[in-house]
Amino acid sequence: MSQESNNLGSFLASARQHKNLTLRAVEADTGVSNAYLSQLENGKIRSPSPNILRKLSDLYDVPYVTVLELAGYPVPESGKSEVQLTDLTARLGPVTADEADELADYLRYLRSKRKRKR
């Protein structure tokens, strides 16, 4: 199993769990079989269809460009700023705009605190 497919699978599983969805619920909403979804989350699907990835990104409210990047597809340079957040997004799950603002404020606080210690 490649590192990319493992990252994609972990990211999708985390996003699904963050939305409190079962594989069967995702199947009902997207038409993608729960067996396929399970294999995708476990990194057994090497080249998932961009169409399926679009359905999942829409349902999970995660950036499509992030999902494409994790699947190993080339993405436009303009999407790179979103892609750089994949590790954080995978760890936290999708966040609302308000949560993103609060996280940014807290990160600025932590960085300013670190600068003062130097």
PDB file of N, CA and C in Angstrom:
ATOM      1  N   MET A   1       0.850  -1.176   0.000  1.00  0.00           N
ATOM      2  CA  MET A   1       0.000   0.000   0.000  1.00  0.00           C
ATOM      3  C   MET A   1       0.890   1.231   0.000  1.00  0.00           C
ATOM      4  N   SER A   2       0.576   2.181  -0.877  1.00  0.00           N
ATOM      5  CA  SER A   2       1.394   3.381  -0.969  1.00  0.00           C
ATOM      6  C   SER A   2       1.058   4.336   0.167  1.00  0.00           C
ATOM      7  N   GLN A   3       2.021   5.213   0.476  1.00  0.00           N
ATOM      8  CA  GLN A   3       1.805   6.216   1.515  1.00  0.00           C
ATOM      9  C   GLN A   3       0.655   7.146   1.139  1.00  0.00           C
ATOM     10  N   GLU A   4       0.554   7.494  -0.185  1.00  0.00           N
ATOM     11  CA  GLU A   4      -0.514   8.396  -0.621  1.00  0.00           C
ATOM     12  C   GLU A   4      -1.886   7.792  -0.344  1.00  0.00           C
ATOM     13  N   SER A   5      -2.080   6.500  -0.699  1.00  0.00           N
ATOM     14  CA  SER A   5      -3.393   5.896  -0.500  1.00  0.00           C
ATOM     15  C   SER A   5      -3.704   5.763   0.983  1.00  0.00           C
ATOM     16  N   ASN A   6      -2.673   5.520   1.824  1.00  0.00           N
ATOM     17  CA  ASN A   6      -2.881   5.441   3.254  1.00  0.00           C
ATOM     18  C   ASN A   6      -3.298   6.795   3.803  1.00  0.00           C
ATOM     19  N   ASN A   7      -2.636   7.880   3.349  1.00  0.00           N
ATOM     20  CA  ASN A   7      -3.000   9.225   3.795  1.00  0.00           C
ATOM     21  C   ASN A   7      -4.423   9.568   3.363  1.00  0.00           C
ATOM     22  N   LEU A   8      -4.761   9.230   2.126  1.00  0.00           N
ATOM     23  CA  LEU A   8      -6.108   9.497   1.627  1.00  0.00           C
ATOM     24  C   LEU A   8      -7.130   8.739   2.454  1.00  0.00           C
ATOM     25  N   GLY A   9      -6.878   7.465   2.671  1.00  0.00           N
ATOM     26  CA  GLY A   9      -7.822   6.643   3.437  1.00  0.00           C
ATOM     27  C   GLY A   9      -8.024   7.163   4.846  1.00  0.00           C
ATOM     28  N   SER A  10      -6.935   7.509   5.508  1.00  0.00           N
ATOM     29  CA  SER A  10      -7.025   8.049   6.876  1.00  0.00           C
ATOM     30  C   SER A  10      -7.785   9.368   6.891  1.00  0.00           C
ATOM     31  N   PHE A  11      -7.489  10.205   5.903  1.00  0.00           N
ATOM     32  CA  PHE A  11      -8.157  11.496   5.816  1.00  0.00           C
ATOM     33  C   PHE A  11      -9.664  11.313   5.615  1.00  0.00           C
ATOM     34  N   LEU A  12     -10.039  10.431   4.679  1.00  0.00           N
ATOM     35  CA  LEU A  12     -11.462  10.215   4.397  1.00  0.00           C
ATOM     36  C   LEU A  12     -12.173   9.586   5.591  1.00  0.00           C
ATOM     37  N   ALA A  13     -11.527   8.641   6.241  1.00  0.00           N
ATOM     38  CA  ALA A  13     -12.138   8.016   7.416  1.00  0.00           C
ATOM     39  C   ALA A  13     -12.359   9.051   8.518  1.00  0.00           C
ATOM     40  N   SER A  14     -11.355   9.902   8.734  1.00  0.00           N
ATOM     41  CA  SER A  14     -11.468  10.943   9.753  1.00  0.00           C
ATOM     42  C   SER A  14     -12.590  11.927   9.418  1.00  0.00           C
ATOM     43  N   ALA A  15     -12.658  12.335   8.156  1.00  0.00           N
ATOM     44  CA  ALA A  15     -13.703  13.275   7.732  1.00  0.00           C
ATOM     45  C   ALA A  15     -15.088  12.657   7.883  1.00  0.00           C
ATOM     46  N   ARG A  16     -15.216  11.377   7.548  1.00  0.00           N
ATOM     47  CA  ARG A  16     -16.507  10.686   7.673  1.00  0.00           C
ATOM     48  C   ARG A  16     -16.913  10.589   9.143  1.00  0.00           C
ATOM     49  N   GLN A  17     -15.959  10.208   9.984  1.00  0.00           N
ATOM     50  CA  GLN A  17     -16.254  10.079  11.411  1.00  0.00           C
ATOM     51  C   GLN A  17     -16.584  11.434  12.033  1.00  0.00           C
ATOM     52  N   HIS A  18     -15.915  12.475  11.565  1.00  0.00           N
ATOM     53  CA  HIS A  18     -16.193  13.823  12.064  1.00  0.00           C
ATOM     54  C   HIS A  18     -17.646  14.228  11.774  1.00  0.00           C
ATOM     55  N   LYS A  19     -18.177  13.744  10.654  1.00  0.00           N
ATOM     56  CA  LYS A  19     -19.570  14.027  10.296  1.00  0.00           C
ATOM     57  C   LYS A  19     -20.532  13.020  10.924  1.00  0.00           C
ATOM     58  N   ASN A  20     -19.991  12.082  11.719  1.00  0.00           N
ATOM     59  CA  ASN A  20     -20.798  11.039  12.368  1.00  0.00           C
ATOM     60  C   ASN A  20     -21.594  10.212  11.361  1.00  0.00           C
ATOM     61  N   LEU A  21     -20.929   9.844  10.277  1.00  0.00           N
ATOM     62  CA  LEU A  21     -21.571   9.046   9.232  1.00  0.00           C
ATOM     63  C   LEU A  21     -21.018   7.629   9.230  1.00  0.00           C
ATOM     64  N   THR A  22     -21.893   6.666   9.018  1.00  0.00           N
ATOM     65  CA  THR A  22     -21.458   5.288   8.819  1.00  0.00           C
ATOM     66  C   THR A  22     -21.164   5.093   7.342  1.00  0.00           C
ATOM     67  N   LEU A  23     -20.483   3.997   7.029  1.00  0.00           N
ATOM     68  CA  LEU A  23     -20.225   3.691   5.621  1.00  0.00           C
ATOM     69  C   LEU A  23     -21.542   3.505   4.868  1.00  0.00           C
ATOM     70  N   ARG A  24     -22.506   2.904   5.510  1.00  0.00           N
ATOM     71  CA  ARG A  24     -23.820   2.701   4.862  1.00  0.00           C
ATOM     72  C   ARG A  24     -24.536   4.030   4.616  1.00  0.00           C
ATOM     73  N   ALA A  25     -24.395   4.972   5.522  1.00  0.00           N
ATOM     74  CA  ALA A  25     -25.012   6.294   5.329  1.00  0.00           C
ATOM     75  C   ALA A  25     -24.351   7.014   4.156  1.00  0.00           C
ATOM     76  N   VAL A  26     -23.021   6.882   4.042  1.00  0.00           N
ATOM     77  CA  VAL A  26     -22.309   7.500   2.918  1.00  0.00           C
ATOM     78  C   VAL A  26     -22.753   6.846   1.615  1.00  0.00           C
ATOM     79  N   GLU A  27     -22.911   5.530   1.651  1.00  0.00           N
ATOM     80  CA  GLU A  27     -23.394   4.814   0.466  1.00  0.00           C
ATOM     81  C   GLU A  27     -24.770   5.347   0.044  1.00  0.00           C
ATOM     82  N   ALA A  28     -25.654   5.531   1.006  1.00  0.00           N
ATOM     83  CA  ALA A  28     -26.995   6.026   0.698  1.00  0.00           C
ATOM     84  C   ALA A  28     -26.956   7.435   0.114  1.00  0.00           C
ATOM     85  N   ASP A  29     -26.044   8.275   0.609  1.00  0.00           N
ATOM     86  CA  ASP A  29     -25.968   9.662   0.150  1.00  0.00           C
ATOM     87  C   ASP A  29     -25.237   9.834  -1.176  1.00  0.00           C
ATOM     88  N   THR A  30     -24.277   8.940  -1.459  1.00  0.00           N
ATOM     89  CA  THR A  30     -23.433   9.120  -2.645  1.00  0.00           C
ATOM     90  C   THR A  30     -23.638   8.081  -3.732  1.00  0.00           C
ATOM     91  N   GLY A  31     -24.196   6.925  -3.366  1.00  0.00           N
ATOM     92  CA  GLY A  31     -24.323   5.840  -4.328  1.00  0.00           C
ATOM     93  C   GLY A  31     -23.057   5.015  -4.473  1.00  0.00           C
ATOM     94  N   VAL A  32     -22.028   5.308  -3.675  1.00  0.00           N
ATOM     95  CA  VAL A  32     -20.783   4.545  -3.685  1.00  0.00           C
ATOM     96  C   VAL A  32     -20.924   3.421  -2.658  1.00  0.00           C
ATOM     97  N   SER A  33     -20.659   2.188  -3.077  1.00  0.00           N
ATOM     98  CA  SER A  33     -20.890   1.041  -2.184  1.00  0.00           C
ATOM     99  C   SER A  33     -20.037   1.139  -0.923  1.00  0.00           C
ATOM    100  N   ASN A  34     -20.603   0.650   0.181  1.00  0.00           N
ATOM    101  CA  ASN A  34     -19.864   0.709   1.441  1.00  0.00           C
ATOM    102  C   ASN A  34     -18.626  -0.180   1.401  1.00  0.00           C
ATOM    103  N   ALA A  35     -18.651  -1.247   0.601  1.00  0.00           N
ATOM    104  CA  ALA A  35     -17.468  -2.108   0.453  1.00  0.00           C
ATOM    105  C   ALA A  35     -16.329  -1.322  -0.214  1.00  0.00           C
ATOM    106  N   TYR A  36     -16.669  -0.572  -1.261  1.00  0.00           N
ATOM    107  CA  TYR A  36     -15.672   0.252  -1.956  1.00  0.00           C
ATOM    108  C   TYR A  36     -15.135   1.320  -1.002  1.00  0.00           C
ATOM    109  N   LEU A  37     -16.035   1.958  -0.252  1.00  0.00           N
ATOM    110  CA  LEU A  37     -15.627   2.989   0.700  1.00  0.00           C
ATOM    111  C   LEU A  37     -14.678   2.428   1.751  1.00  0.00           C
ATOM    112  N   SER A  38     -14.976   1.241   2.241  1.00  0.00           N
ATOM    113  CA  SER A  38     -14.124   0.590   3.224  1.00  0.00           C
ATOM    114  C   SER A  38     -12.735   0.330   2.646  1.00  0.00           C
ATOM    115  N   GLN A  39     -12.690  -0.177   1.419  1.00  0.00           N
ATOM    116  CA  GLN A  39     -11.402  -0.425   0.765  1.00  0.00           C
ATOM    117  C   GLN A  39     -10.647   0.881   0.536  1.00  0.00           C
ATOM    118  N   LEU A  40     -11.365   1.928   0.191  1.00  0.00           N
ATOM    119  CA  LEU A  40     -10.751   3.233  -0.023  1.00  0.00           C
ATOM    120  C   LEU A  40     -10.130   3.749   1.284  1.00  0.00           C
ATOM    121  N   GLU A  41     -10.884   3.656   2.377  1.00  0.00           N
ATOM    122  CA  GLU A  41     -10.391   4.120   3.674  1.00  0.00           C
ATOM    123  C   GLU A  41      -9.208   3.286   4.168  1.00  0.00           C
ATOM    124  N   ASN A  42      -9.150   2.023   3.761  1.00  0.00           N
ATOM    125  CA  ASN A  42      -8.058   1.145   4.183  1.00  0.00           C
ATOM    126  C   ASN A  42      -6.883   1.152   3.218  1.00  0.00           C
ATOM    127  N   GLY A  43      -6.923   2.034   2.219  1.00  0.00           N
ATOM    128  CA  GLY A  43      -5.808   2.194   1.296  1.00  0.00           C
ATOM    129  C   GLY A  43      -5.672   1.099   0.254  1.00  0.00           C
ATOM    130  N   LYS A  44      -6.728   0.339   0.030  1.00  0.00           N
ATOM    131  CA  LYS A  44      -6.651  -0.765  -0.938  1.00  0.00           C
ATOM    132  C   LYS A  44      -7.031  -0.339  -2.351  1.00  0.00           C
ATOM    133  N   ILE A  45      -7.633   0.818  -2.502  1.00  0.00           N
ATOM    134  CA  ILE A  45      -7.976   1.357  -3.818  1.00  0.00           C
ATOM    135  C   ILE A  45      -6.829   2.272  -4.231  1.00  0.00           C
ATOM    136  N   ARG A  46      -6.166   1.948  -5.334  1.00  0.00           N
ATOM    137  CA  ARG A  46      -4.986   2.712  -5.748  1.00  0.00           C
ATOM    138  C   ARG A  46      -5.321   3.982  -6.516  1.00  0.00           C
ATOM    139  N   SER A  47      -6.336   3.938  -7.355  1.00  0.00           N
ATOM    140  CA  SER A  47      -6.674   5.097  -8.197  1.00  0.00           C
ATOM    141  C   SER A  47      -8.171   5.376  -8.140  1.00  0.00           C
ATOM    142  N   PRO A  48      -8.634   5.976  -7.060  1.00  0.00           N
ATOM    143  CA  PRO A  48     -10.061   6.275  -6.981  1.00  0.00           C
ATOM    144  C   PRO A  48     -10.464   7.301  -8.032  1.00  0.00           C
ATOM    145  N   SER A  49     -11.651   7.169  -8.515  1.00  0.00           N
ATOM    146  CA  SER A  49     -12.175   8.080  -9.529  1.00  0.00           C
ATOM    147  C   SER A  49     -12.324   9.487  -8.961  1.00  0.00           C
ATOM    148  N   PRO A  50     -11.902  10.503  -9.722  1.00  0.00           N
ATOM    149  CA  PRO A  50     -12.135  11.882  -9.277  1.00  0.00           C
ATOM    150  C   PRO A  50     -13.620  12.168  -9.034  1.00  0.00           C
ATOM    151  N   ASN A  51     -14.498  11.498  -9.768  1.00  0.00           N
ATOM    152  CA  ASN A  51     -15.932  11.670  -9.569  1.00  0.00           C
ATOM    153  C   ASN A  51     -16.342  11.201  -8.170  1.00  0.00           C
ATOM    154  N   ILE A  52     -15.834  10.062  -7.753  1.00  0.00           N
ATOM    155  CA  ILE A  52     -16.136   9.561  -6.403  1.00  0.00           C
ATOM    156  C   ILE A  52     -15.520  10.483  -5.354  1.00  0.00           C
ATOM    157  N   LEU A  53     -14.306  10.929  -5.612  1.00  0.00           N
ATOM    158  CA  LEU A  53     -13.659  11.836  -4.668  1.00  0.00           C
ATOM    159  C   LEU A  53     -14.436  13.140  -4.527  1.00  0.00           C
ATOM    160  N   ARG A  54     -15.019  13.618  -5.616  1.00  0.00           N
ATOM    161  CA  ARG A  54     -15.843  14.838  -5.575  1.00  0.00           C
ATOM    162  C   ARG A  54     -17.069  14.611  -4.689  1.00  0.00           C
ATOM    163  N   LYS A  55     -17.739  13.478  -4.889  1.00  0.00           N
ATOM    164  CA  LYS A  55     -18.925  13.172  -4.073  1.00  0.00           C
ATOM    165  C   LYS A  55     -18.575  13.137  -2.590  1.00  0.00           C
ATOM    166  N   LEU A  56     -17.457  12.505  -2.266  1.00  0.00           N
ATOM    167  CA  LEU A  56     -17.057  12.396  -0.864  1.00  0.00           C
ATOM    168  C   LEU A  56     -16.635  13.746  -0.297  1.00  0.00           C
ATOM    169  N   SER A  57     -15.881  14.525  -1.061  1.00  0.00           N
ATOM    170  CA  SER A  57     -15.457  15.839  -0.555  1.00  0.00           C
ATOM    171  C   SER A  57     -16.665  16.741  -0.318  1.00  0.00           C
ATOM    172  N   ASP A  58     -17.652  16.661  -1.202  1.00  0.00           N
ATOM    173  CA  ASP A  58     -18.868  17.459  -1.012  1.00  0.00           C
ATOM    174  C   ASP A  58     -19.625  17.020   0.241  1.00  0.00           C
ATOM    175  N   LEU A  59     -19.779  15.709   0.408  1.00  0.00           N
ATOM    176  CA  LEU A  59     -20.525  15.192   1.562  1.00  0.00           C
ATOM    177  C   LEU A  59     -19.807  15.503   2.874  1.00  0.00           C
ATOM    178  N   TYR A  60     -18.487  15.390   2.866  1.00  0.00           N
ATOM    179  CA  TYR A  60     -17.706  15.590   4.087  1.00  0.00           C
ATOM    180  C   TYR A  60     -17.335  17.058   4.331  1.00  0.00           C
ATOM    181  N   ASP A  61     -17.666  17.921   3.377  1.00  0.00           N
ATOM    182  CA  ASP A  61     -17.327  19.346   3.495  1.00  0.00           C
ATOM    183  C   ASP A  61     -15.826  19.563   3.653  1.00  0.00           C
ATOM    184  N   VAL A  62     -15.053  18.885   2.805  1.00  0.00           N
ATOM    185  CA  VAL A  62     -13.600  19.073   2.780  1.00  0.00           C
ATOM    186  C   VAL A  62     -13.211  19.545   1.387  1.00  0.00           C
ATOM    187  N   PRO A  63     -12.111  20.282   1.262  1.00  0.00           N
ATOM    188  CA  PRO A  63     -11.713  20.799  -0.056  1.00  0.00           C
ATOM    189  C   PRO A  63     -11.419  19.669  -1.048  1.00  0.00           C
ATOM    190  N   TYR A  64     -12.034  19.759  -2.210  1.00  0.00           N
ATOM    191  CA  TYR A  64     -11.831  18.769  -3.268  1.00  0.00           C
ATOM    192  C   TYR A  64     -10.363  18.696  -3.662  1.00  0.00           C
ATOM    193  N   VAL A  65      -9.697  19.839  -3.726  1.00  0.00           N
ATOM    194  CA  VAL A  65      -8.294  19.867  -4.122  1.00  0.00           C
ATOM    195  C   VAL A  65      -7.430  19.089  -3.127  1.00  0.00           C
ATOM    196  N   THR A  66      -7.781  19.121  -1.861  1.00  0.00           N
ATOM    197  CA  THR A  66      -7.053  18.369  -0.843  1.00  0.00           C
ATOM    198  C   THR A  66      -7.187  16.874  -1.085  1.00  0.00           C
ATOM    199  N   VAL A  67      -8.413  16.443  -1.363  1.00  0.00           N
ATOM    200  CA  VAL A  67      -8.668  15.019  -1.604  1.00  0.00           C
ATOM    201  C   VAL A  67      -7.935  14.560  -2.869  1.00  0.00           C
ATOM    202  N   LEU A  68      -7.981  15.381  -3.912  1.00  0.00           N
ATOM    203  CA  LEU A  68      -7.259  15.034  -5.146  1.00  0.00           C
ATOM    204  C   LEU A  68      -5.758  14.902  -4.879  1.00  0.00           C
ATOM    205  N   GLU A  69      -5.199  15.845  -4.149  1.00  0.00           N
ATOM    206  CA  GLU A  69      -3.777  15.819  -3.839  1.00  0.00           C
ATOM    207  C   GLU A  69      -3.416  14.548  -3.067  1.00  0.00           C
ATOM    208  N   LEU A  70      -4.206  14.200  -2.072  1.00  0.00           N
ATOM    209  CA  LEU A  70      -3.942  12.998  -1.288  1.00  0.00           C
ATOM    210  C   LEU A  70      -4.065  11.731  -2.129  1.00  0.00           C
ATOM    211  N   ALA A  71      -4.906  11.782  -3.162  1.00  0.00           N
ATOM    212  CA  ALA A  71      -5.076  10.633  -4.052  1.00  0.00           C
ATOM    213  C   ALA A  71      -3.959  10.549  -5.085  1.00  0.00           C
ATOM    214  N   GLY A  72      -3.094  11.570  -5.127  1.00  0.00           N
ATOM    215  CA  GLY A  72      -1.972  11.556  -6.055  1.00  0.00           C
ATOM    216  C   GLY A  72      -2.243  12.232  -7.380  1.00  0.00           C
ATOM    217  N   TYR A  73      -3.376  12.919  -7.487  1.00  0.00           N
ATOM    218  CA  TYR A  73      -3.675  13.646  -8.711  1.00  0.00           C
ATOM    219  C   TYR A  73      -2.982  14.996  -8.698  1.00  0.00           C
ATOM    220  N   PRO A  74      -2.538  15.457  -9.872  1.00  0.00           N
ATOM    221  CA  PRO A  74      -1.951  16.806  -9.918  1.00  0.00           C
ATOM    222  C   PRO A  74      -3.043  17.843  -9.672  1.00  0.00           C
ATOM    223  N   VAL A  75      -2.688  18.878  -8.954  1.00  0.00           N
ATOM    224  CA  VAL A  75      -3.652  19.953  -8.682  1.00  0.00           C
ATOM    225  C   VAL A  75      -3.050  21.264  -9.148  1.00  0.00           C
ATOM    226  N   PRO A  76      -3.895  22.217  -9.497  1.00  0.00           N
ATOM    227  CA  PRO A  76      -3.386  23.522  -9.935  1.00  0.00           C
ATOM    228  C   PRO A  76      -2.615  24.209  -8.817  1.00  0.00           C
ATOM    229  N   GLU A  77      -1.651  25.004  -9.190  1.00  0.00           N
ATOM    230  CA  GLU A  77      -0.837  25.724  -8.211  1.00  0.00           C
ATOM    231  C   GLU A  77      -1.681  26.589  -7.280  1.00  0.00           C
ATOM    232  N   SER A  78      -2.774  27.136  -7.782  1.00  0.00           N
ATOM    233  CA  SER A  78      -3.601  28.011  -6.946  1.00  0.00           C
ATOM    234  C   SER A  78      -4.191  27.266  -5.764  1.00  0.00           C
ATOM    235  N   GLY A  79      -4.284  25.955  -5.834  1.00  0.00           N
ATOM    236  CA  GLY A  79      -4.834  25.168  -4.734  1.00  0.00           C
ATOM    237  C   GLY A  79      -3.806  24.783  -3.694  1.00  0.00           C
ATOM    238  N   LYS A  80      -2.547  25.138  -3.908  1.00  0.00           N
ATOM    239  CA  LYS A  80      -1.489  24.694  -3.004  1.00  0.00           C
ATOM    240  C   LYS A  80      -1.691  25.173  -1.572  1.00  0.00           C
ATOM    241  N   SER A  81      -2.235  26.351  -1.359  1.00  0.00           N
ATOM    242  CA  SER A  81      -2.402  26.824   0.010  1.00  0.00           C
ATOM    243  C   SER A  81      -3.364  25.932   0.776  1.00  0.00           C
ATOM    244  N   GLU A  82      -4.394  25.426   0.122  1.00  0.00           N
ATOM    245  CA  GLU A  82      -5.311  24.509   0.783  1.00  0.00           C
ATOM    246  C   GLU A  82      -4.631  23.172   1.031  1.00  0.00           C
ATOM    247  N   VAL A  83      -3.838  22.723   0.076  1.00  0.00           N
ATOM    248  CA  VAL A  83      -3.211  21.418   0.177  1.00  0.00           C
ATOM    249  C   VAL A  83      -2.233  21.374   1.339  1.00  0.00           C
ATOM    250  N   GLN A  84      -1.564  22.471   1.635  1.00  0.00           N
ATOM    251  CA  GLN A  84      -0.616  22.484   2.732  1.00  0.00           C
ATOM    252  C   GLN A  84      -1.287  22.228   4.073  1.00  0.00           C
ATOM    253  N   LEU A  85      -2.572  22.359   4.151  1.00  0.00           N
ATOM    254  CA  LEU A  85      -3.297  22.134   5.390  1.00  0.00           C
ATOM    255  C   LEU A  85      -3.731  20.689   5.575  1.00  0.00           C
ATOM    256  N   THR A  86      -3.382  19.795   4.664  1.00  0.00           N
ATOM    257  CA  THR A  86      -3.911  18.436   4.722  1.00  0.00           C
ATOM    258  C   THR A  86      -3.562  17.719   6.007  1.00  0.00           C
ATOM    259  N   ASP A  87      -2.340  17.851   6.510  1.00  0.00           N
ATOM    260  CA  ASP A  87      -1.975  17.161   7.741  1.00  0.00           C
ATOM    261  C   ASP A  87      -2.820  17.656   8.905  1.00  0.00           C
ATOM    262  N   LEU A  88      -2.965  18.959   9.003  1.00  0.00           N
ATOM    263  CA  LEU A  88      -3.766  19.529  10.075  1.00  0.00           C
ATOM    264  C   LEU A  88      -5.228  19.137   9.922  1.00  0.00           C
ATOM    265  N   THR A  89      -5.747  19.201   8.719  1.00  0.00           N
ATOM    266  CA  THR A  89      -7.139  18.838   8.468  1.00  0.00           C
ATOM    267  C   THR A  89      -7.365  17.366   8.776  1.00  0.00           C
ATOM    268  N   ALA A  90      -6.425  16.525   8.423  1.00  0.00           N
ATOM    269  CA  ALA A  90      -6.568  15.099   8.694  1.00  0.00           C
ATOM    270  C   ALA A  90      -6.592  14.840  10.201  1.00  0.00           C
ATOM    271  N   ARG A  91      -5.852  15.638  10.948  1.00  0.00           N
ATOM    272  CA  ARG A  91      -5.814  15.439  12.398  1.00  0.00           C
ATOM    273  C   ARG A  91      -7.049  15.995  13.091  1.00  0.00           C
ATOM    274  N   LEU A  92      -7.551  17.121  12.598  1.00  0.00           N
ATOM    275  CA  LEU A  92      -8.668  17.790  13.265  1.00  0.00           C
ATOM    276  C   LEU A  92     -10.023  17.488  12.653  1.00  0.00           C
ATOM    277  N   GLY A  93     -10.030  17.065  11.409  1.00  0.00           N
ATOM    278  CA  GLY A  93     -11.285  16.954  10.679  1.00  0.00           C
ATOM    279  C   GLY A  93     -11.642  18.321  10.132  1.00  0.00           C
ATOM    280  N   PRO A  94     -12.680  18.374   9.355  1.00  0.00           N
ATOM    281  CA  PRO A  94     -13.088  19.663   8.792  1.00  0.00           C
ATOM    282  C   PRO A  94     -13.450  20.652   9.904  1.00  0.00           C
ATOM    283  N   VAL A  95     -13.155  21.920   9.676  1.00  0.00           N
ATOM    284  CA  VAL A  95     -13.484  22.956  10.650  1.00  0.00           C
ATOM    285  C   VAL A  95     -14.354  24.015   9.987  1.00  0.00           C
ATOM    286  N   THR A  96     -15.135  24.689  10.795  1.00  0.00           N
ATOM    287  CA  THR A  96     -15.958  25.780  10.280  1.00  0.00           C
ATOM    288  C   THR A  96     -15.076  27.009  10.093  1.00  0.00           C
ATOM    289  N   ALA A  97     -15.595  28.008   9.428  1.00  0.00           N
ATOM    290  CA  ALA A  97     -14.849  29.250   9.229  1.00  0.00           C
ATOM    291  C   ALA A  97     -14.536  29.904  10.569  1.00  0.00           C
ATOM    292  N   ASP A  98     -15.489  29.886  11.497  1.00  0.00           N
ATOM    293  CA  ASP A  98     -15.253  30.457  12.825  1.00  0.00           C
ATOM    294  C   ASP A  98     -14.151  29.707  13.565  1.00  0.00           C
ATOM    295  N   GLU A  99     -14.188  28.370  13.477  1.00  0.00           N
ATOM    296  CA  GLU A  99     -13.153  27.572  14.124  1.00  0.00           C
ATOM    297  C   GLU A  99     -11.787  27.848  13.500  1.00  0.00           C
ATOM    298  N   ALA A 100     -11.740  27.997  12.189  1.00  0.00           N
ATOM    299  CA  ALA A 100     -10.479  28.292  11.505  1.00  0.00           C
ATOM    300  C   ALA A 100      -9.924  29.631  11.973  1.00  0.00           C
ATOM    301  N   ASP A 101     -10.796  30.627  12.142  1.00  0.00           N
ATOM    302  CA  ASP A 101     -10.359  31.931  12.637  1.00  0.00           C
ATOM    303  C   ASP A 101      -9.804  31.823  14.054  1.00  0.00           C
ATOM    304  N   GLU A 102     -10.491  31.060  14.901  1.00  0.00           N
ATOM    305  CA  GLU A 102     -10.037  30.888  16.282  1.00  0.00           C
ATOM    306  C   GLU A 102      -8.715  30.131  16.334  1.00  0.00           C
ATOM    307  N   LEU A 103      -8.571  29.106  15.494  1.00  0.00           N
ATOM    308  CA  LEU A 103      -7.310  28.367  15.435  1.00  0.00           C
ATOM    309  C   LEU A 103      -6.173  29.273  14.970  1.00  0.00           C
ATOM    310  N   ALA A 104      -6.440  30.117  13.985  1.00  0.00           N
ATOM    311  CA  ALA A 104      -5.419  31.044  13.497  1.00  0.00           C
ATOM    312  C   ALA A 104      -5.019  32.031  14.603  1.00  0.00           C
ATOM    313  N   ASP A 105      -6.002  32.540  15.343  1.00  0.00           N
ATOM    314  CA  ASP A 105      -5.708  33.455  16.454  1.00  0.00           C
ATOM    315  C   ASP A 105      -4.847  32.764  17.508  1.00  0.00           C
ATOM    316  N   TYR A 106      -5.205  31.525  17.837  1.00  0.00           N
ATOM    317  CA  TYR A 106      -4.456  30.796  18.853  1.00  0.00           C
ATOM    318  C   TYR A 106      -3.037  30.494  18.376  1.00  0.00           C
ATOM    319  N   LEU A 107      -2.886  30.162  17.105  1.00  0.00           N
ATOM    320  CA  LEU A 107      -1.558  29.904  16.550  1.00  0.00           C
ATOM    321  C   LEU A 107      -0.696  31.166  16.592  1.00  0.00           C
ATOM    322  N   ARG A 108      -1.285  32.314  16.265  1.00  0.00           N
ATOM    323  CA  ARG A 108      -0.544  33.582  16.364  1.00  0.00           C
ATOM    324  C   ARG A 108      -0.095  33.824  17.808  1.00  0.00           C
ATOM    325  N   TYR A 109      -0.987  33.530  18.748  1.00  0.00           N
ATOM    326  CA  TYR A 109      -0.650  33.677  20.168  1.00  0.00           C
ATOM    327  C   TYR A 109       0.527  32.773  20.543  1.00  0.00           C
ATOM    328  N   LEU A 110       0.475  31.506  20.147  1.00  0.00           N
ATOM    329  CA  LEU A 110       1.558  30.573  20.468  1.00  0.00           C
ATOM    330  C   LEU A 110       2.883  31.021  19.855  1.00  0.00           C
ATOM    331  N   ARG A 111       2.824  31.499  18.623  1.00  0.00           N
ATOM    332  CA  ARG A 111       4.045  31.950  17.954  1.00  0.00           C
ATOM    333  C   ARG A 111       4.620  33.200  18.627  1.00  0.00           C
ATOM    334  N   SER A 112       3.752  34.117  19.042  1.00  0.00           N
ATOM    335  CA  SER A 112       4.238  35.333  19.708  1.00  0.00           C
ATOM    336  C   SER A 112       4.850  34.973  21.065  1.00  0.00           C
ATOM    337  N   LYS A 113       4.281  34.002  21.736  1.00  0.00           N
ATOM    338  CA  LYS A 113       4.796  33.539  23.018  1.00  0.00           C
ATOM    339  C   LYS A 113       6.186  32.922  22.842  1.00  0.00           C
ATOM    340  N   ARG A 114       6.346  32.165  21.771  1.00  0.00           N
ATOM    341  CA  ARG A 114       7.628  31.530  21.462  1.00  0.00           C
ATOM    342  C   ARG A 114       8.688  32.591  21.150  1.00  0.00           C
ATOM    343  N   LYS A 115       8.303  33.634  20.426  1.00  0.00           N
ATOM    344  CA  LYS A 115       9.246  34.706  20.067  1.00  0.00           C
ATOM    345  C   LYS A 115       9.713  35.444  21.314  1.00  0.00           C
ATOM    346  N   ARG A 116       8.807  35.642  22.289  1.00  0.00           N
ATOM    347  CA  ARG A 116       9.164  36.342  23.514  1.00  0.00           C
ATOM    348  C   ARG A 116      10.178  35.574  24.352  1.00  0.00           C
ATOM    349  N   LYS A 117      10.140  34.238  24.253  1.00  0.00           N
ATOM    350  CA  LYS A 117      11.063  33.408  25.032  1.00  0.00           C
ATOM    351  C   LYS A 117      12.489  33.466  24.507  1.00  0.00           C
ATOM    352  N   ARG A 118      12.662  33.829  23.258  1.00  0.00           N
ATOM    353  CA  ARG A 118      14.011  33.845  22.643  1.00  0.00           C
ATOM    354  C   ARG A 118      14.838  34.981  23.095  1.00  0.00           C
TER     355      ARG A 118
END
